[in-house]
Amino acid sequence: MSQPEILLGVTGGIAAYKTADLTSKLVQAGYGVTVVMTESATRFVGPATFEALTGRHVYTTIFPAHDHPRGEHIELARRADLMVVAPATANYLGKVAHGLADDLLSTLAMTNTAPLLLAPAMNTEMWNKPPVQRNIELLKSDGVLFIEPGSGWLSCGQVGPGRMAEPREILARIQELLPLAPR
């Protein structure tokens, strides 16, 4: 049986550092992981971190330096058994909810046919805003899956909802959605 493939998106939020831990856990569990980062995400964690953890190239742009005859966004999406975005910022939720595809990661959400699991992370005020909650409900009605954020200390110094789920919780949800064959 072949190794299940996860397309792991990383958006530009402080919780991106947790995604490095998630990546390590996924690889150790036996998943194949390909990482796609938004430009903003690279301000929080460098692509080299994910390349070291996965042993694979990390994608950061829809227009790579090398030619890809079918388009990176099509090939990456086709290989995925599951697409996971952690952290999923308010901006990313809005893009996907409304079909906007202005970077590689949002374009992948439009071309992807595998299940999509989002792990939101944002400030409490952002999380509680009606437009964000409407986008979440719209995405859920479209069949997008969520692992809800927790409540706790946030980088802004507040305590409240909006904290990205812990990597072990996200891993457990992924294992429910995409079980591994016994080794």
N, C-alpha and C. Protein backbone atom coordinates (compact mmCIF):
# COMPACT_ATOMS: atom_id res chain seq x y z
N MET A 1 0.86 -1.19 0.00
CA MET A 1 0.00 0.00 0.00
C MET A 1 0.90 1.24 0.00
N SER A 2 0.53 2.22 -0.80
CA SER A 2 1.36 3.43 -0.88
C SER A 2 1.10 4.35 0.32
N GLN A 3 2.07 5.19 0.53
CA GLN A 3 2.03 6.14 1.65
C GLN A 3 0.96 7.20 1.39
N PRO A 4 0.03 7.44 2.33
CA PRO A 4 -0.96 8.50 2.14
C PRO A 4 -0.28 9.86 2.04
N GLU A 5 -0.78 10.68 1.12
CA GLU A 5 -0.18 11.98 0.84
C GLU A 5 -1.02 13.12 1.42
N ILE A 6 -0.35 13.97 2.19
CA ILE A 6 -1.00 15.15 2.75
C ILE A 6 -0.38 16.39 2.13
N LEU A 7 -1.25 17.25 1.65
CA LEU A 7 -0.84 18.57 1.17
C LEU A 7 -1.08 19.51 2.35
N LEU A 8 -0.01 20.03 2.92
CA LEU A 8 -0.09 20.83 4.15
C LEU A 8 0.16 22.29 3.84
N GLY A 9 -0.87 23.11 4.00
CA GLY A 9 -0.76 24.54 3.77
C GLY A 9 -0.45 25.27 5.06
N VAL A 10 0.39 26.29 4.94
CA VAL A 10 0.77 27.12 6.09
C VAL A 10 0.52 28.57 5.71
N THR A 11 -0.34 29.25 6.49
CA THR A 11 -0.62 30.66 6.22
C THR A 11 0.11 31.54 7.23
N GLY A 12 0.04 32.84 7.02
CA GLY A 12 0.83 33.79 7.79
C GLY A 12 0.26 34.20 9.13
N GLY A 13 0.35 33.32 10.08
CA GLY A 13 -0.02 33.62 11.45
C GLY A 13 1.05 33.12 12.39
N ILE A 14 1.11 33.67 13.58
CA ILE A 14 2.13 33.27 14.53
C ILE A 14 2.08 31.78 14.84
N ALA A 15 0.92 31.16 14.72
CA ALA A 15 0.79 29.72 14.99
C ALA A 15 1.52 28.87 13.95
N ALA A 16 2.09 29.48 12.92
CA ALA A 16 2.84 28.72 11.91
C ALA A 16 3.98 27.92 12.54
N TYR A 17 4.51 28.40 13.67
CA TYR A 17 5.59 27.65 14.32
C TYR A 17 5.10 26.28 14.77
N LYS A 18 3.82 26.16 15.14
CA LYS A 18 3.27 24.88 15.57
C LYS A 18 3.18 23.90 14.40
N THR A 19 3.09 24.43 13.20
CA THR A 19 2.95 23.57 12.03
C THR A 19 4.24 22.79 11.77
N ALA A 20 5.37 23.32 12.19
CA ALA A 20 6.61 22.56 12.08
C ALA A 20 6.53 21.30 12.95
N ASP A 21 6.00 21.42 14.15
CA ASP A 21 5.82 20.26 15.02
C ASP A 21 4.82 19.28 14.41
N LEU A 22 3.72 19.79 13.86
CA LEU A 22 2.73 18.94 13.20
C LEU A 22 3.39 18.18 12.04
N THR A 23 4.19 18.88 11.26
CA THR A 23 4.86 18.24 10.12
C THR A 23 5.74 17.09 10.59
N SER A 24 6.51 17.31 11.63
CA SER A 24 7.36 16.26 12.18
C SER A 24 6.54 15.07 12.63
N LYS A 25 5.44 15.32 13.31
CA LYS A 25 4.57 14.24 13.79
C LYS A 25 3.98 13.45 12.62
N LEU A 26 3.57 14.15 11.56
CA LEU A 26 2.99 13.48 10.39
C LEU A 26 4.01 12.58 9.70
N VAL A 27 5.21 13.10 9.51
CA VAL A 27 6.27 12.31 8.86
C VAL A 27 6.61 11.09 9.71
N GLN A 28 6.75 11.29 11.02
CA GLN A 28 7.07 10.17 11.91
C GLN A 28 5.96 9.12 11.92
N ALA A 29 4.71 9.56 11.74
CA ALA A 29 3.58 8.62 11.72
C ALA A 29 3.54 7.81 10.42
N GLY A 30 4.20 8.31 9.36
CA GLY A 30 4.23 7.56 8.11
C GLY A 30 3.52 8.21 6.94
N TYR A 31 3.13 9.46 7.08
CA TYR A 31 2.49 10.18 5.98
C TYR A 31 3.54 10.83 5.08
N GLY A 32 3.22 10.93 3.80
CA GLY A 32 4.00 11.76 2.89
C GLY A 32 3.46 13.17 3.01
N VAL A 33 4.32 14.15 3.21
CA VAL A 33 3.86 15.53 3.44
C VAL A 33 4.54 16.46 2.45
N THR A 34 3.71 17.21 1.72
CA THR A 34 4.20 18.27 0.85
C THR A 34 3.67 19.58 1.41
N VAL A 35 4.56 20.53 1.65
CA VAL A 35 4.19 21.79 2.29
C VAL A 35 4.10 22.91 1.26
N VAL A 36 3.03 23.70 1.39
CA VAL A 36 2.83 24.90 0.58
C VAL A 36 2.65 26.05 1.56
N MET A 37 3.45 27.10 1.39
CA MET A 37 3.40 28.24 2.30
C MET A 37 2.98 29.50 1.55
N THR A 38 2.19 30.34 2.22
CA THR A 38 1.92 31.66 1.66
C THR A 38 3.16 32.52 1.90
N GLU A 39 3.23 33.61 1.17
CA GLU A 39 4.36 34.53 1.36
C GLU A 39 4.42 35.01 2.81
N SER A 40 3.26 35.31 3.38
CA SER A 40 3.22 35.78 4.77
C SER A 40 3.71 34.71 5.74
N ALA A 41 3.42 33.46 5.46
CA ALA A 41 3.87 32.37 6.34
C ALA A 41 5.39 32.32 6.43
N THR A 42 6.06 32.65 5.33
CA THR A 42 7.53 32.60 5.33
C THR A 42 8.14 33.66 6.23
N ARG A 43 7.34 34.62 6.68
CA ARG A 43 7.81 35.64 7.63
C ARG A 43 7.87 35.09 9.05
N PHE A 44 7.14 34.00 9.29
CA PHE A 44 7.08 33.40 10.63
C PHE A 44 7.98 32.18 10.76
N VAL A 45 8.01 31.34 9.73
CA VAL A 45 8.83 30.13 9.71
C VAL A 45 9.39 29.99 8.30
N GLY A 46 10.65 29.67 8.19
CA GLY A 46 11.27 29.57 6.87
C GLY A 46 10.98 28.25 6.17
N PRO A 47 10.93 28.26 4.84
CA PRO A 47 10.72 27.02 4.09
C PRO A 47 11.76 25.94 4.40
N ALA A 48 12.98 26.35 4.72
CA ALA A 48 14.04 25.37 5.01
C ALA A 48 13.67 24.47 6.19
N THR A 49 12.91 25.00 7.14
CA THR A 49 12.47 24.19 8.28
C THR A 49 11.63 23.02 7.79
N PHE A 50 10.67 23.30 6.92
CA PHE A 50 9.77 22.26 6.42
C PHE A 50 10.49 21.32 5.45
N GLU A 51 11.43 21.85 4.67
CA GLU A 51 12.20 21.00 3.77
C GLU A 51 13.02 19.99 4.57
N ALA A 52 13.61 20.44 5.68
CA ALA A 52 14.39 19.54 6.53
C ALA A 52 13.49 18.46 7.15
N LEU A 53 12.30 18.83 7.55
CA LEU A 53 11.39 17.88 8.20
C LEU A 53 10.79 16.87 7.23
N THR A 54 10.52 17.29 5.99
CA THR A 54 9.85 16.41 5.03
C THR A 54 10.79 15.76 4.03
N GLY A 55 11.96 16.37 3.83
CA GLY A 55 12.85 15.90 2.78
C GLY A 55 12.34 16.23 1.39
N ARG A 56 11.41 17.18 1.32
CA ARG A 56 10.79 17.56 0.05
C ARG A 56 10.89 19.07 -0.16
N HIS A 57 10.76 19.46 -1.42
CA HIS A 57 10.71 20.87 -1.77
C HIS A 57 9.47 21.50 -1.14
N VAL A 58 9.59 22.75 -0.70
CA VAL A 58 8.46 23.51 -0.17
C VAL A 58 8.05 24.52 -1.23
N TYR A 59 6.76 24.60 -1.50
CA TYR A 59 6.23 25.48 -2.54
C TYR A 59 5.74 26.78 -1.92
N THR A 60 6.15 27.90 -2.52
CA THR A 60 5.78 29.21 -1.97
C THR A 60 5.18 30.14 -3.01
N THR A 61 5.19 29.75 -4.27
CA THR A 61 4.68 30.65 -5.31
C THR A 61 3.97 29.86 -6.39
N ILE A 62 3.00 30.49 -7.01
CA ILE A 62 2.28 29.85 -8.11
C ILE A 62 3.09 29.90 -9.40
N PHE A 63 4.13 30.74 -9.41
CA PHE A 63 4.98 30.87 -10.58
C PHE A 63 6.40 30.45 -10.23
N PRO A 64 6.66 29.13 -10.19
CA PRO A 64 8.00 28.67 -9.81
C PRO A 64 9.04 29.02 -10.88
N ALA A 65 10.29 28.97 -10.46
CA ALA A 65 11.39 29.28 -11.37
C ALA A 65 11.51 28.23 -12.47
N HIS A 66 11.11 27.00 -12.19
CA HIS A 66 11.19 25.95 -13.21
C HIS A 66 9.83 25.77 -13.87
N ASP A 67 9.85 25.27 -15.06
CA ASP A 67 8.60 25.05 -15.79
C ASP A 67 7.95 23.77 -15.31
N HIS A 68 6.66 23.81 -15.16
CA HIS A 68 5.88 22.64 -14.80
C HIS A 68 4.76 22.57 -15.82
N PRO A 69 4.84 21.62 -16.78
CA PRO A 69 3.93 21.65 -17.92
C PRO A 69 2.45 21.64 -17.58
N ARG A 70 2.07 21.00 -16.51
CA ARG A 70 0.64 20.94 -16.17
C ARG A 70 0.24 21.97 -15.13
N GLY A 71 1.17 22.67 -14.62
CA GLY A 71 0.86 23.65 -13.58
C GLY A 71 1.00 23.02 -12.21
N GLU A 72 1.77 23.69 -11.36
CA GLU A 72 2.03 23.19 -10.01
C GLU A 72 0.73 22.97 -9.24
N HIS A 73 -0.20 23.91 -9.38
CA HIS A 73 -1.44 23.83 -8.60
C HIS A 73 -2.28 22.62 -8.98
N ILE A 74 -2.18 22.15 -10.20
CA ILE A 74 -2.95 20.98 -10.61
C ILE A 74 -2.26 19.71 -10.10
N GLU A 75 -0.97 19.59 -10.33
CA GLU A 75 -0.24 18.38 -9.93
C GLU A 75 -0.21 18.19 -8.42
N LEU A 76 0.03 19.26 -7.68
CA LEU A 76 0.06 19.13 -6.22
C LEU A 76 -1.30 18.67 -5.69
N ALA A 77 -2.36 19.23 -6.22
CA ALA A 77 -3.71 18.87 -5.78
C ALA A 77 -4.03 17.42 -6.13
N ARG A 78 -3.63 16.98 -7.29
CA ARG A 78 -3.92 15.60 -7.73
C ARG A 78 -3.26 14.55 -6.85
N ARG A 79 -2.11 14.86 -6.31
CA ARG A 79 -1.37 13.89 -5.50
C ARG A 79 -1.93 13.75 -4.08
N ALA A 80 -2.72 14.71 -3.64
CA ALA A 80 -3.15 14.76 -2.24
C ALA A 80 -4.31 13.81 -1.94
N ASP A 81 -4.16 13.07 -0.84
CA ASP A 81 -5.27 12.29 -0.29
C ASP A 81 -6.06 13.13 0.71
N LEU A 82 -5.41 14.16 1.24
CA LEU A 82 -6.02 15.08 2.20
C LEU A 82 -5.27 16.40 2.12
N MET A 83 -6.01 17.51 2.13
CA MET A 83 -5.39 18.83 2.20
C MET A 83 -5.69 19.40 3.58
N VAL A 84 -4.65 19.86 4.24
CA VAL A 84 -4.77 20.44 5.59
C VAL A 84 -4.14 21.82 5.56
N VAL A 85 -4.82 22.81 6.15
CA VAL A 85 -4.23 24.14 6.27
C VAL A 85 -4.20 24.50 7.75
N ALA A 86 -2.96 24.69 8.25
CA ALA A 86 -2.76 24.99 9.66
C ALA A 86 -1.52 25.88 9.79
N PRO A 87 -1.65 27.06 10.27
CA PRO A 87 -2.89 27.73 10.65
C PRO A 87 -3.67 28.22 9.43
N ALA A 88 -4.97 28.32 9.59
CA ALA A 88 -5.84 28.92 8.59
C ALA A 88 -6.27 30.28 9.15
N THR A 89 -5.74 31.34 8.58
CA THR A 89 -6.04 32.69 9.05
C THR A 89 -7.43 33.13 8.61
N ALA A 90 -7.91 34.21 9.19
CA ALA A 90 -9.20 34.79 8.78
C ALA A 90 -9.16 35.14 7.30
N ASN A 91 -8.04 35.66 6.83
CA ASN A 91 -7.89 36.01 5.42
C ASN A 91 -8.05 34.77 4.53
N TYR A 92 -7.39 33.68 4.90
CA TYR A 92 -7.48 32.47 4.09
C TYR A 92 -8.91 31.91 4.10
N LEU A 93 -9.56 31.91 5.26
CA LEU A 93 -10.94 31.43 5.33
C LEU A 93 -11.83 32.23 4.38
N GLY A 94 -11.65 33.55 4.37
CA GLY A 94 -12.45 34.40 3.49
C GLY A 94 -12.19 34.11 2.02
N LYS A 95 -10.93 33.93 1.67
CA LYS A 95 -10.59 33.62 0.27
C LYS A 95 -11.27 32.34 -0.18
N VAL A 96 -11.10 31.29 0.60
CA VAL A 96 -11.63 29.99 0.19
C VAL A 96 -13.16 30.00 0.20
N ALA A 97 -13.77 30.66 1.18
CA ALA A 97 -15.23 30.72 1.25
C ALA A 97 -15.82 31.38 0.01
N HIS A 98 -15.08 32.31 -0.57
CA HIS A 98 -15.62 33.08 -1.70
C HIS A 98 -14.94 32.77 -3.02
N GLY A 99 -14.18 31.68 -3.06
CA GLY A 99 -13.61 31.22 -4.31
C GLY A 99 -12.49 32.08 -4.87
N LEU A 100 -11.81 32.82 -4.01
CA LEU A 100 -10.71 33.66 -4.47
C LEU A 100 -9.43 32.82 -4.53
N ALA A 101 -8.70 32.97 -5.61
CA ALA A 101 -7.50 32.16 -5.83
C ALA A 101 -6.39 33.06 -6.33
N ASP A 102 -5.77 33.80 -5.41
CA ASP A 102 -4.76 34.78 -5.82
C ASP A 102 -3.34 34.41 -5.39
N ASP A 103 -3.16 33.21 -4.86
CA ASP A 103 -1.82 32.70 -4.54
C ASP A 103 -1.88 31.18 -4.68
N LEU A 104 -0.75 30.52 -4.53
CA LEU A 104 -0.73 29.07 -4.74
C LEU A 104 -1.64 28.34 -3.77
N LEU A 105 -1.61 28.70 -2.49
CA LEU A 105 -2.39 27.95 -1.51
C LEU A 105 -3.90 28.12 -1.72
N SER A 106 -4.36 29.32 -2.02
CA SER A 106 -5.80 29.50 -2.26
C SER A 106 -6.21 28.86 -3.59
N THR A 107 -5.32 28.86 -4.57
CA THR A 107 -5.60 28.20 -5.84
C THR A 107 -5.70 26.69 -5.63
N LEU A 108 -4.84 26.14 -4.79
CA LEU A 108 -4.91 24.71 -4.49
C LEU A 108 -6.25 24.33 -3.85
N ALA A 109 -6.79 25.20 -3.03
CA ALA A 109 -8.10 24.91 -2.42
C ALA A 109 -9.18 24.81 -3.50
N MET A 110 -9.00 25.55 -4.60
CA MET A 110 -9.98 25.52 -5.69
C MET A 110 -9.78 24.30 -6.60
N THR A 111 -8.55 23.81 -6.75
CA THR A 111 -8.30 22.67 -7.64
C THR A 111 -8.31 21.33 -6.91
N ASN A 112 -8.21 21.36 -5.60
CA ASN A 112 -8.16 20.17 -4.78
C ASN A 112 -9.49 19.42 -4.80
N THR A 113 -9.43 18.09 -4.93
CA THR A 113 -10.65 17.27 -4.84
C THR A 113 -10.65 16.38 -3.60
N ALA A 114 -9.55 16.37 -2.87
CA ALA A 114 -9.47 15.59 -1.62
C ALA A 114 -10.19 16.36 -0.51
N PRO A 115 -10.51 15.70 0.60
CA PRO A 115 -11.09 16.44 1.72
C PRO A 115 -10.15 17.58 2.15
N LEU A 116 -10.75 18.67 2.61
CA LEU A 116 -10.01 19.84 3.08
C LEU A 116 -10.29 20.03 4.56
N LEU A 117 -9.22 20.02 5.37
CA LEU A 117 -9.32 20.21 6.82
C LEU A 117 -8.62 21.51 7.18
N LEU A 118 -9.34 22.41 7.83
CA LEU A 118 -8.79 23.70 8.22
C LEU A 118 -8.65 23.78 9.74
N ALA A 119 -7.52 24.34 10.18
CA ALA A 119 -7.25 24.57 11.61
C ALA A 119 -7.10 26.07 11.81
N PRO A 120 -8.22 26.77 12.07
CA PRO A 120 -8.15 28.23 12.20
C PRO A 120 -7.30 28.68 13.38
N ALA A 121 -6.71 29.86 13.20
CA ALA A 121 -5.93 30.50 14.26
C ALA A 121 -5.97 32.00 14.04
N MET A 122 -6.42 32.72 15.05
CA MET A 122 -6.49 34.18 14.95
C MET A 122 -6.81 34.77 16.32
N ASN A 123 -6.69 36.07 16.40
CA ASN A 123 -7.03 36.83 17.59
C ASN A 123 -8.51 36.61 17.94
N THR A 124 -8.84 36.67 19.22
CA THR A 124 -10.22 36.46 19.68
C THR A 124 -11.21 37.39 19.00
N GLU A 125 -10.87 38.67 18.88
CA GLU A 125 -11.79 39.61 18.23
C GLU A 125 -12.06 39.21 16.79
N MET A 126 -11.01 38.78 16.09
CA MET A 126 -11.19 38.33 14.71
C MET A 126 -12.07 37.09 14.68
N TRP A 127 -11.78 36.13 15.54
CA TRP A 127 -12.54 34.88 15.57
C TRP A 127 -14.03 35.15 15.80
N ASN A 128 -14.34 36.10 16.65
CA ASN A 128 -15.74 36.38 17.01
C ASN A 128 -16.47 37.27 16.00
N LYS A 129 -15.79 37.84 15.04
CA LYS A 129 -16.43 38.74 14.07
C LYS A 129 -17.46 37.98 13.23
N PRO A 130 -18.64 38.58 13.02
CA PRO A 130 -19.66 37.93 12.19
C PRO A 130 -19.18 37.51 10.80
N PRO A 131 -18.39 38.33 10.08
CA PRO A 131 -17.96 37.86 8.76
C PRO A 131 -17.11 36.58 8.82
N VAL A 132 -16.27 36.47 9.83
CA VAL A 132 -15.45 35.26 9.96
C VAL A 132 -16.35 34.06 10.26
N GLN A 133 -17.29 34.23 11.16
CA GLN A 133 -18.20 33.14 11.49
C GLN A 133 -19.08 32.76 10.30
N ARG A 134 -19.50 33.75 9.51
CA ARG A 134 -20.27 33.45 8.29
C ARG A 134 -19.42 32.65 7.30
N ASN A 135 -18.15 33.04 7.15
CA ASN A 135 -17.27 32.31 6.24
C ASN A 135 -17.09 30.86 6.69
N ILE A 136 -16.96 30.66 7.99
CA ILE A 136 -16.82 29.30 8.52
C ILE A 136 -18.07 28.48 8.23
N GLU A 137 -19.22 29.07 8.46
CA GLU A 137 -20.48 28.35 8.19
C GLU A 137 -20.63 28.05 6.70
N LEU A 138 -20.25 28.99 5.86
CA LEU A 138 -20.31 28.78 4.41
C LEU A 138 -19.38 27.63 4.01
N LEU A 139 -18.17 27.64 4.53
CA LEU A 139 -17.22 26.57 4.23
C LEU A 139 -17.73 25.22 4.71
N LYS A 140 -18.30 25.18 5.91
CA LYS A 140 -18.86 23.93 6.42
C LYS A 140 -19.99 23.44 5.53
N SER A 141 -20.82 24.36 5.04
CA SER A 141 -21.92 23.95 4.16
C SER A 141 -21.40 23.44 2.82
N ASP A 142 -20.18 23.83 2.46
CA ASP A 142 -19.53 23.33 1.24
C ASP A 142 -18.78 22.02 1.48
N GLY A 143 -18.82 21.51 2.72
CA GLY A 143 -18.18 20.24 3.02
C GLY A 143 -16.76 20.34 3.55
N VAL A 144 -16.29 21.56 3.81
CA VAL A 144 -14.96 21.73 4.37
C VAL A 144 -14.99 21.31 5.84
N LEU A 145 -13.95 20.63 6.27
CA LEU A 145 -13.85 20.12 7.64
C LEU A 145 -13.01 21.07 8.48
N PHE A 146 -13.30 21.12 9.76
CA PHE A 146 -12.59 22.01 10.68
C PHE A 146 -12.14 21.26 11.91
N ILE A 147 -11.03 21.68 12.45
CA ILE A 147 -10.64 21.33 13.82
C ILE A 147 -10.65 22.67 14.55
N GLU A 148 -11.59 22.80 15.44
CA GLU A 148 -11.86 24.09 16.08
C GLU A 148 -10.67 24.59 16.89
N PRO A 149 -10.49 25.90 16.92
CA PRO A 149 -9.40 26.44 17.74
C PRO A 149 -9.75 26.30 19.22
N GLY A 150 -8.72 26.29 20.02
CA GLY A 150 -8.91 26.23 21.46
C GLY A 150 -8.95 27.62 22.05
N SER A 151 -9.11 27.64 23.34
CA SER A 151 -9.09 28.89 24.08
C SER A 151 -7.83 28.86 24.94
N GLY A 152 -7.18 29.99 25.03
CA GLY A 152 -5.96 30.05 25.82
C GLY A 152 -5.21 31.33 25.56
N TRP A 153 -3.96 31.36 25.99
CA TRP A 153 -3.14 32.54 25.82
C TRP A 153 -2.81 32.71 24.34
N LEU A 154 -3.00 33.93 23.85
CA LEU A 154 -2.71 34.27 22.46
C LEU A 154 -1.50 35.19 22.42
N SER A 155 -0.83 35.24 21.30
CA SER A 155 0.40 36.04 21.20
C SER A 155 0.17 37.52 21.43
N CYS A 156 -1.06 37.98 21.28
CA CYS A 156 -1.37 39.39 21.52
C CYS A 156 -1.49 39.70 23.01
N GLY A 157 -1.36 38.66 23.85
CA GLY A 157 -1.43 38.86 25.29
C GLY A 157 -2.81 38.60 25.87
N GLN A 158 -3.79 38.34 25.03
CA GLN A 158 -5.13 38.03 25.51
C GLN A 158 -5.26 36.55 25.81
N VAL A 159 -6.30 36.23 26.56
CA VAL A 159 -6.69 34.85 26.77
C VAL A 159 -8.10 34.73 26.22
N GLY A 160 -8.30 33.77 25.33
CA GLY A 160 -9.62 33.60 24.73
C GLY A 160 -9.57 32.63 23.57
N PRO A 161 -10.69 32.48 22.86
CA PRO A 161 -10.74 31.56 21.72
C PRO A 161 -9.96 32.12 20.53
N GLY A 162 -9.48 31.20 19.70
CA GLY A 162 -8.76 31.58 18.50
C GLY A 162 -7.41 30.91 18.39
N ARG A 163 -6.98 30.25 19.46
CA ARG A 163 -5.68 29.57 19.48
C ARG A 163 -5.76 28.30 18.63
N MET A 164 -4.82 28.14 17.70
CA MET A 164 -4.83 26.95 16.84
C MET A 164 -4.77 25.69 17.69
N ALA A 165 -5.52 24.67 17.27
CA ALA A 165 -5.47 23.38 17.95
C ALA A 165 -4.03 22.90 18.03
N GLU A 166 -3.73 22.13 19.03
CA GLU A 166 -2.37 21.62 19.22
C GLU A 166 -2.04 20.59 18.14
N PRO A 167 -0.77 20.50 17.75
CA PRO A 167 -0.38 19.54 16.71
C PRO A 167 -0.86 18.11 16.97
N ARG A 168 -0.82 17.65 18.22
CA ARG A 168 -1.27 16.29 18.51
C ARG A 168 -2.77 16.13 18.24
N GLU A 169 -3.56 17.19 18.47
CA GLU A 169 -5.00 17.15 18.20
C GLU A 169 -5.25 17.11 16.69
N ILE A 170 -4.48 17.90 15.96
CA ILE A 170 -4.64 17.92 14.50
C ILE A 170 -4.22 16.57 13.93
N LEU A 171 -3.12 16.00 14.43
CA LEU A 171 -2.68 14.68 13.99
C LEU A 171 -3.77 13.64 14.24
N ALA A 172 -4.39 13.66 15.41
CA ALA A 172 -5.44 12.70 15.73
C ALA A 172 -6.60 12.82 14.74
N ARG A 173 -6.97 14.04 14.39
CA ARG A 173 -8.07 14.25 13.43
C ARG A 173 -7.67 13.74 12.05
N ILE A 174 -6.43 14.00 11.65
CA ILE A 174 -5.94 13.50 10.36
C ILE A 174 -5.96 11.98 10.35
N GLN A 175 -5.55 11.35 11.44
CA GLN A 175 -5.55 9.89 11.51
C GLN A 175 -6.96 9.31 11.42
N GLU A 176 -7.96 10.05 11.90
CA GLU A 176 -9.36 9.63 11.74
C GLU A 176 -9.76 9.70 10.27
N LEU A 177 -9.37 10.78 9.61
CA LEU A 177 -9.76 11.00 8.22
C LEU A 177 -8.97 10.16 7.23
N LEU A 178 -7.71 9.89 7.55
CA LEU A 178 -6.80 9.21 6.63
C LEU A 178 -5.97 8.19 7.41
N PRO A 179 -6.61 7.06 7.78
CA PRO A 179 -5.89 6.08 8.59
C PRO A 179 -4.71 5.48 7.82
N LEU A 180 -3.67 5.15 8.57
CA LEU A 180 -2.50 4.50 7.99
C LEU A 180 -2.66 2.99 8.06
N ALA A 181 -2.11 2.32 7.06
CA ALA A 181 -2.08 0.85 7.09
C ALA A 181 -1.06 0.43 8.15
N PRO A 182 -1.31 -0.68 8.83
CA PRO A 182 -0.32 -1.15 9.81
C PRO A 182 1.03 -1.39 9.14
N ARG A 183 2.10 -1.04 9.84
CA ARG A 183 3.45 -1.25 9.28
C ARG A 183 3.95 -2.63 9.60
